[in-house]
N, C-alpha and C. Protein backbone atom coordinates (compact mmCIF):
# COMPACT_ATOMS: atom_id res chain seq x y z
N MET A 1 151.29 76.32 117.08
CA MET A 1 150.88 77.63 117.55
C MET A 1 149.77 77.44 118.58
N PRO A 2 149.91 78.08 119.73
CA PRO A 2 148.88 77.95 120.77
C PRO A 2 147.60 78.68 120.37
N PRO A 3 146.46 78.21 120.86
CA PRO A 3 145.20 78.90 120.53
C PRO A 3 145.18 80.31 121.12
N PRO A 4 144.43 81.21 120.48
CA PRO A 4 144.36 82.58 121.01
C PRO A 4 143.68 82.60 122.37
N PRO A 5 143.99 83.62 123.19
CA PRO A 5 143.36 83.70 124.51
C PRO A 5 141.84 83.83 124.40
N ARG A 6 141.17 83.34 125.44
CA ARG A 6 139.71 83.36 125.46
C ARG A 6 139.16 84.78 125.32
N SER A 7 139.83 85.76 125.89
CA SER A 7 139.35 87.14 125.80
C SER A 7 139.36 87.64 124.36
N THR A 8 140.33 87.21 123.56
CA THR A 8 140.39 87.60 122.15
C THR A 8 139.22 86.99 121.38
N LEU A 9 138.96 85.72 121.65
CA LEU A 9 137.83 85.06 120.98
C LEU A 9 136.50 85.70 121.38
N GLN A 10 136.36 86.03 122.66
CA GLN A 10 135.13 86.67 123.13
C GLN A 10 134.95 88.04 122.47
N ALA A 11 136.05 88.78 122.31
CA ALA A 11 135.98 90.10 121.67
C ALA A 11 135.54 89.96 120.22
N ARG A 12 136.07 88.96 119.51
CA ARG A 12 135.66 88.73 118.11
C ARG A 12 134.19 88.35 118.03
N LEU A 13 133.75 87.52 118.96
CA LEU A 13 132.35 87.10 118.99
C LEU A 13 131.44 88.30 119.24
N ASP A 14 131.84 89.18 120.15
CA ASP A 14 131.05 90.39 120.43
C ASP A 14 130.96 91.30 119.21
N VAL A 15 132.07 91.43 118.48
CA VAL A 15 132.07 92.25 117.27
C VAL A 15 131.13 91.65 116.22
N GLY A 16 131.15 90.34 116.09
CA GLY A 16 130.27 89.67 115.14
C GLY A 16 128.80 89.84 115.48
N ARG A 17 128.48 89.71 116.75
CA ARG A 17 127.09 89.88 117.19
C ARG A 17 126.61 91.31 116.98
N THR A 18 127.49 92.26 117.27
CA THR A 18 127.14 93.66 117.06
C THR A 18 126.90 93.94 115.58
N ALA A 19 127.77 93.41 114.74
CA ALA A 19 127.62 93.60 113.29
C ALA A 19 126.32 92.98 112.79
N PHE A 20 125.99 91.80 113.29
CA PHE A 20 124.75 91.13 112.89
C PHE A 20 123.54 91.97 113.23
N SER A 21 123.46 92.43 114.48
CA SER A 21 122.29 93.21 114.89
C SER A 21 122.24 94.56 114.18
N THR A 22 123.39 95.16 113.91
CA THR A 22 123.41 96.43 113.18
C THR A 22 122.88 96.25 111.77
N LEU A 23 123.33 95.20 111.08
CA LEU A 23 122.84 94.93 109.73
C LEU A 23 121.33 94.72 109.72
N ALA A 24 120.83 93.96 110.67
CA ALA A 24 119.38 93.69 110.74
C ALA A 24 118.60 94.97 111.00
N LYS A 25 119.07 95.79 111.95
CA LYS A 25 118.36 97.03 112.28
C LYS A 25 118.39 98.02 111.13
N LYS A 26 119.53 98.14 110.47
CA LYS A 26 119.67 99.11 109.38
C LYS A 26 118.83 98.74 108.16
N ASN A 27 118.58 97.45 107.97
CA ASN A 27 117.81 97.01 106.80
C ASN A 27 116.33 96.79 107.10
N TYR A 28 115.91 97.00 108.34
CA TYR A 28 114.51 96.81 108.71
C TYR A 28 113.60 97.74 107.90
N ARG A 29 114.00 98.99 107.76
CA ARG A 29 113.17 99.95 107.00
C ARG A 29 113.01 99.51 105.55
N LEU A 30 114.06 98.94 104.97
CA LEU A 30 113.98 98.44 103.60
C LEU A 30 112.96 97.30 103.52
N VAL A 31 113.00 96.39 104.47
CA VAL A 31 112.07 95.27 104.49
C VAL A 31 110.63 95.78 104.59
N VAL A 32 110.39 96.76 105.47
CA VAL A 32 109.05 97.31 105.65
C VAL A 32 108.58 98.00 104.37
N ALA A 33 109.46 98.76 103.72
CA ALA A 33 109.09 99.45 102.48
C ALA A 33 108.70 98.46 101.39
N ILE A 34 109.47 97.39 101.24
CA ILE A 34 109.17 96.38 100.23
C ILE A 34 107.87 95.66 100.59
N ALA A 35 107.66 95.38 101.89
CA ALA A 35 106.43 94.70 102.33
C ALA A 35 105.21 95.56 102.03
N LYS A 36 105.31 96.87 102.26
CA LYS A 36 104.18 97.76 101.97
C LYS A 36 103.83 97.73 100.49
N LYS A 37 104.85 97.74 99.64
CA LYS A 37 104.59 97.68 98.19
C LYS A 37 103.94 96.35 97.82
N TYR A 38 104.42 95.26 98.44
CA TYR A 38 103.86 93.94 98.14
C TYR A 38 102.39 93.88 98.55
N VAL A 39 102.07 94.36 99.75
CA VAL A 39 100.69 94.32 100.24
C VAL A 39 99.80 95.20 99.37
N ALA A 40 100.30 96.37 98.98
CA ALA A 40 99.51 97.26 98.12
C ALA A 40 99.24 96.62 96.77
N SER A 41 100.26 95.98 96.18
CA SER A 41 100.06 95.36 94.87
C SER A 41 99.16 94.13 95.00
N SER A 42 99.23 93.43 96.13
CA SER A 42 98.34 92.29 96.34
C SER A 42 96.89 92.75 96.45
N ALA A 43 96.68 93.88 97.12
CA ALA A 43 95.32 94.41 97.25
C ALA A 43 94.78 94.83 95.89
N LEU A 44 95.63 95.41 95.05
CA LEU A 44 95.19 95.82 93.71
C LEU A 44 94.85 94.60 92.87
N ARG A 45 95.68 93.54 92.97
CA ARG A 45 95.39 92.32 92.22
C ARG A 45 94.09 91.69 92.69
N ALA A 46 93.85 91.70 94.00
CA ALA A 46 92.62 91.11 94.53
C ALA A 46 91.41 91.92 94.09
N ALA A 47 91.54 93.25 94.06
CA ALA A 47 90.43 94.10 93.64
C ALA A 47 90.12 93.90 92.16
N ALA A 48 91.17 93.60 91.39
CA ALA A 48 90.99 93.39 89.96
C ALA A 48 90.51 91.98 89.65
N GLY A 49 90.50 91.11 90.67
CA GLY A 49 90.04 89.75 90.45
C GLY A 49 91.13 88.81 90.01
N ALA A 50 92.40 89.26 90.02
CA ALA A 50 93.49 88.41 89.57
C ALA A 50 93.89 87.42 90.66
N GLY A 51 93.60 87.69 91.92
CA GLY A 51 93.84 86.80 93.05
C GLY A 51 95.17 86.09 93.04
N GLY A 52 95.74 85.73 94.06
CA GLY A 52 97.10 85.29 94.29
C GLY A 52 97.64 84.10 93.56
N GLY A 53 97.14 83.60 92.49
CA GLY A 53 97.72 82.55 91.67
C GLY A 53 98.79 81.71 92.29
N GLY A 54 100.06 81.94 91.91
CA GLY A 54 101.12 81.05 92.34
C GLY A 54 102.04 81.61 93.39
N ASP A 55 101.84 82.82 93.89
CA ASP A 55 102.79 83.32 94.89
C ASP A 55 102.47 82.75 96.26
N THR A 56 103.51 82.49 97.04
CA THR A 56 103.34 81.79 98.30
C THR A 56 102.72 82.68 99.36
N LEU A 57 103.10 83.96 99.42
CA LEU A 57 102.53 84.83 100.44
C LEU A 57 101.08 85.15 100.14
N GLY A 58 100.69 85.18 98.88
CA GLY A 58 99.31 85.45 98.53
C GLY A 58 98.37 84.33 98.93
N ALA A 59 98.93 83.14 99.19
CA ALA A 59 98.11 82.00 99.57
C ALA A 59 97.65 82.10 101.02
N ILE A 60 98.29 82.97 101.81
CA ILE A 60 97.88 83.14 103.19
C ILE A 60 96.61 83.98 103.19
N GLY A 61 95.57 83.48 103.78
CA GLY A 61 94.30 84.19 103.72
C GLY A 61 94.04 85.08 104.91
N GLY A 62 92.87 85.69 104.91
CA GLY A 62 92.36 86.40 106.05
C GLY A 62 93.00 87.72 106.37
N GLY A 63 93.38 88.56 105.59
CA GLY A 63 94.11 89.79 105.84
C GLY A 63 93.71 90.59 107.06
N ALA A 64 94.36 91.68 107.28
CA ALA A 64 94.10 92.54 108.43
C ALA A 64 92.77 93.26 108.27
N HIS A 65 92.05 93.38 109.35
CA HIS A 65 90.80 94.14 109.40
C HIS A 65 89.77 93.63 108.39
N GLY A 66 89.73 92.32 108.19
CA GLY A 66 88.71 91.74 107.35
C GLY A 66 88.95 91.88 105.85
N GLN A 67 90.09 92.41 105.46
CA GLN A 67 90.39 92.53 104.05
C GLN A 67 91.00 91.22 103.56
N GLY A 68 90.88 90.95 102.27
CA GLY A 68 91.52 89.76 101.71
C GLY A 68 93.01 90.00 101.56
N GLY A 69 93.77 88.94 101.38
CA GLY A 69 95.20 89.09 101.15
C GLY A 69 96.01 88.85 102.41
N THR A 70 97.27 89.20 102.33
CA THR A 70 98.22 88.95 103.41
C THR A 70 98.38 90.17 104.29
N PRO A 71 98.29 90.02 105.61
CA PRO A 71 98.51 91.16 106.50
C PRO A 71 99.95 91.66 106.39
N LEU A 72 100.12 92.95 106.56
CA LEU A 72 101.44 93.57 106.46
C LEU A 72 102.42 92.92 107.45
N GLU A 73 101.95 92.62 108.65
CA GLU A 73 102.83 92.04 109.68
C GLU A 73 103.41 90.71 109.22
N ASP A 74 102.60 89.90 108.53
CA ASP A 74 103.08 88.61 108.04
C ASP A 74 104.14 88.78 106.95
N VAL A 75 103.93 89.75 106.08
CA VAL A 75 104.89 89.99 105.00
C VAL A 75 106.21 90.52 105.59
N VAL A 76 106.12 91.43 106.57
CA VAL A 76 107.33 91.95 107.21
C VAL A 76 108.06 90.82 107.93
N ALA A 77 107.33 89.94 108.62
CA ALA A 77 107.97 88.82 109.32
C ALA A 77 108.70 87.90 108.34
N ALA A 78 108.06 87.62 107.20
CA ALA A 78 108.71 86.78 106.20
C ALA A 78 109.95 87.47 105.62
N GLY A 79 109.87 88.77 105.41
CA GLY A 79 111.01 89.52 104.90
C GLY A 79 112.16 89.56 105.89
N MET A 80 111.85 89.72 107.17
CA MET A 80 112.90 89.73 108.19
C MET A 80 113.55 88.35 108.32
N GLU A 81 112.75 87.31 108.17
CA GLU A 81 113.30 85.95 108.21
C GLU A 81 114.29 85.75 107.06
N GLY A 82 113.92 86.24 105.88
CA GLY A 82 114.83 86.15 104.74
C GLY A 82 116.09 86.99 104.94
N LEU A 83 115.93 88.16 105.55
CA LEU A 83 117.08 89.03 105.82
C LEU A 83 118.04 88.36 106.80
N VAL A 84 117.51 87.78 107.86
CA VAL A 84 118.36 87.10 108.85
C VAL A 84 119.09 85.93 108.20
N THR A 85 118.41 85.18 107.35
CA THR A 85 119.06 84.07 106.65
C THR A 85 120.19 84.58 105.77
N ALA A 86 119.95 85.68 105.07
CA ALA A 86 120.99 86.25 104.20
C ALA A 86 122.18 86.74 105.00
N ILE A 87 121.93 87.36 106.15
CA ILE A 87 123.03 87.85 106.99
C ILE A 87 123.86 86.67 107.50
N ARG A 88 123.20 85.60 107.89
CA ARG A 88 123.93 84.43 108.39
C ARG A 88 124.77 83.77 107.30
N LYS A 89 124.29 83.79 106.07
CA LYS A 89 125.03 83.15 104.97
C LYS A 89 126.15 84.03 104.43
N TYR A 90 126.07 85.33 104.68
CA TYR A 90 127.06 86.27 104.16
C TYR A 90 128.41 85.99 104.79
N GLN A 91 129.44 85.90 103.97
CA GLN A 91 130.79 85.69 104.47
C GLN A 91 131.68 86.80 103.96
N VAL A 92 132.34 87.46 104.89
CA VAL A 92 133.24 88.55 104.53
C VAL A 92 134.55 87.95 104.07
N ARG A 93 135.01 88.43 102.95
CA ARG A 93 136.32 87.99 102.45
C ARG A 93 137.38 88.90 103.03
N GLY A 94 138.61 88.45 102.96
CA GLY A 94 139.72 89.25 103.48
C GLY A 94 139.83 90.58 102.77
N ARG A 95 140.45 91.52 103.42
CA ARG A 95 140.60 92.85 102.85
C ARG A 95 141.35 92.77 101.53
N GLY A 96 140.93 93.57 100.58
CA GLY A 96 141.61 93.63 99.29
C GLY A 96 141.29 92.47 98.38
N SER A 97 140.28 91.66 98.73
CA SER A 97 139.98 90.49 97.92
C SER A 97 139.00 90.79 96.80
N GLY A 98 138.44 91.98 96.78
CA GLY A 98 137.47 92.30 95.75
C GLY A 98 136.06 91.91 96.13
N GLY A 99 135.87 91.37 97.32
CA GLY A 99 134.54 90.99 97.78
C GLY A 99 133.75 92.22 98.20
N PRO A 100 132.52 92.01 98.65
CA PRO A 100 131.71 93.15 99.10
C PRO A 100 132.42 93.92 100.20
N GLY A 101 132.55 95.19 100.01
CA GLY A 101 133.22 96.02 101.00
C GLY A 101 134.72 96.06 100.86
N GLY A 102 135.27 95.18 100.05
CA GLY A 102 136.72 95.15 99.86
C GLY A 102 137.15 96.17 98.81
N ARG A 103 138.38 96.55 98.85
CA ARG A 103 138.86 97.52 97.87
C ARG A 103 139.26 96.87 96.56
N GLY A 104 139.55 95.60 96.64
CA GLY A 104 139.93 94.87 95.42
C GLY A 104 141.37 95.18 95.02
N ARG A 105 141.95 94.27 94.31
CA ARG A 105 143.30 94.45 93.82
C ARG A 105 143.28 94.43 92.30
N VAL A 106 144.12 95.24 91.75
CA VAL A 106 144.25 95.24 90.30
C VAL A 106 145.56 94.54 89.99
N ARG A 107 145.48 93.47 89.25
CA ARG A 107 146.69 92.74 88.89
C ARG A 107 147.08 93.13 87.47
N VAL A 108 148.30 93.47 87.33
CA VAL A 108 148.79 93.87 86.03
C VAL A 108 149.79 92.83 85.57
N ALA A 109 149.58 92.35 84.38
CA ALA A 109 150.50 91.35 83.83
C ALA A 109 151.76 92.06 83.36
N VAL A 110 152.88 91.52 83.78
CA VAL A 110 154.17 92.08 83.38
C VAL A 110 154.67 91.25 82.20
N ARG A 111 155.00 91.93 81.09
CA ARG A 111 155.45 91.22 79.90
C ARG A 111 156.87 91.54 79.62
């Protein structure tokens, strides 16, 4: 079988890039919301004297505006990095396979 035409491959690549950027943009608000909760809880722990023990983001010092803890921008950046990694690892299964977004098939045993 001959390889598909270059225009078909380019079209598929464009669809993939569009899907990637759409997923990242649509989930940005979620990342920011989670980051705000993390920074708020870190500030409460610091005020209570519990200080960042074993969490990796809490080990970053020097917060925004002279406050202790992790700046919101750093937490959002780390969250976006994780989101991009997750999007790259995500693999769509064929339609009807039962994967994320798929309709799934119900198999009935015939006796």
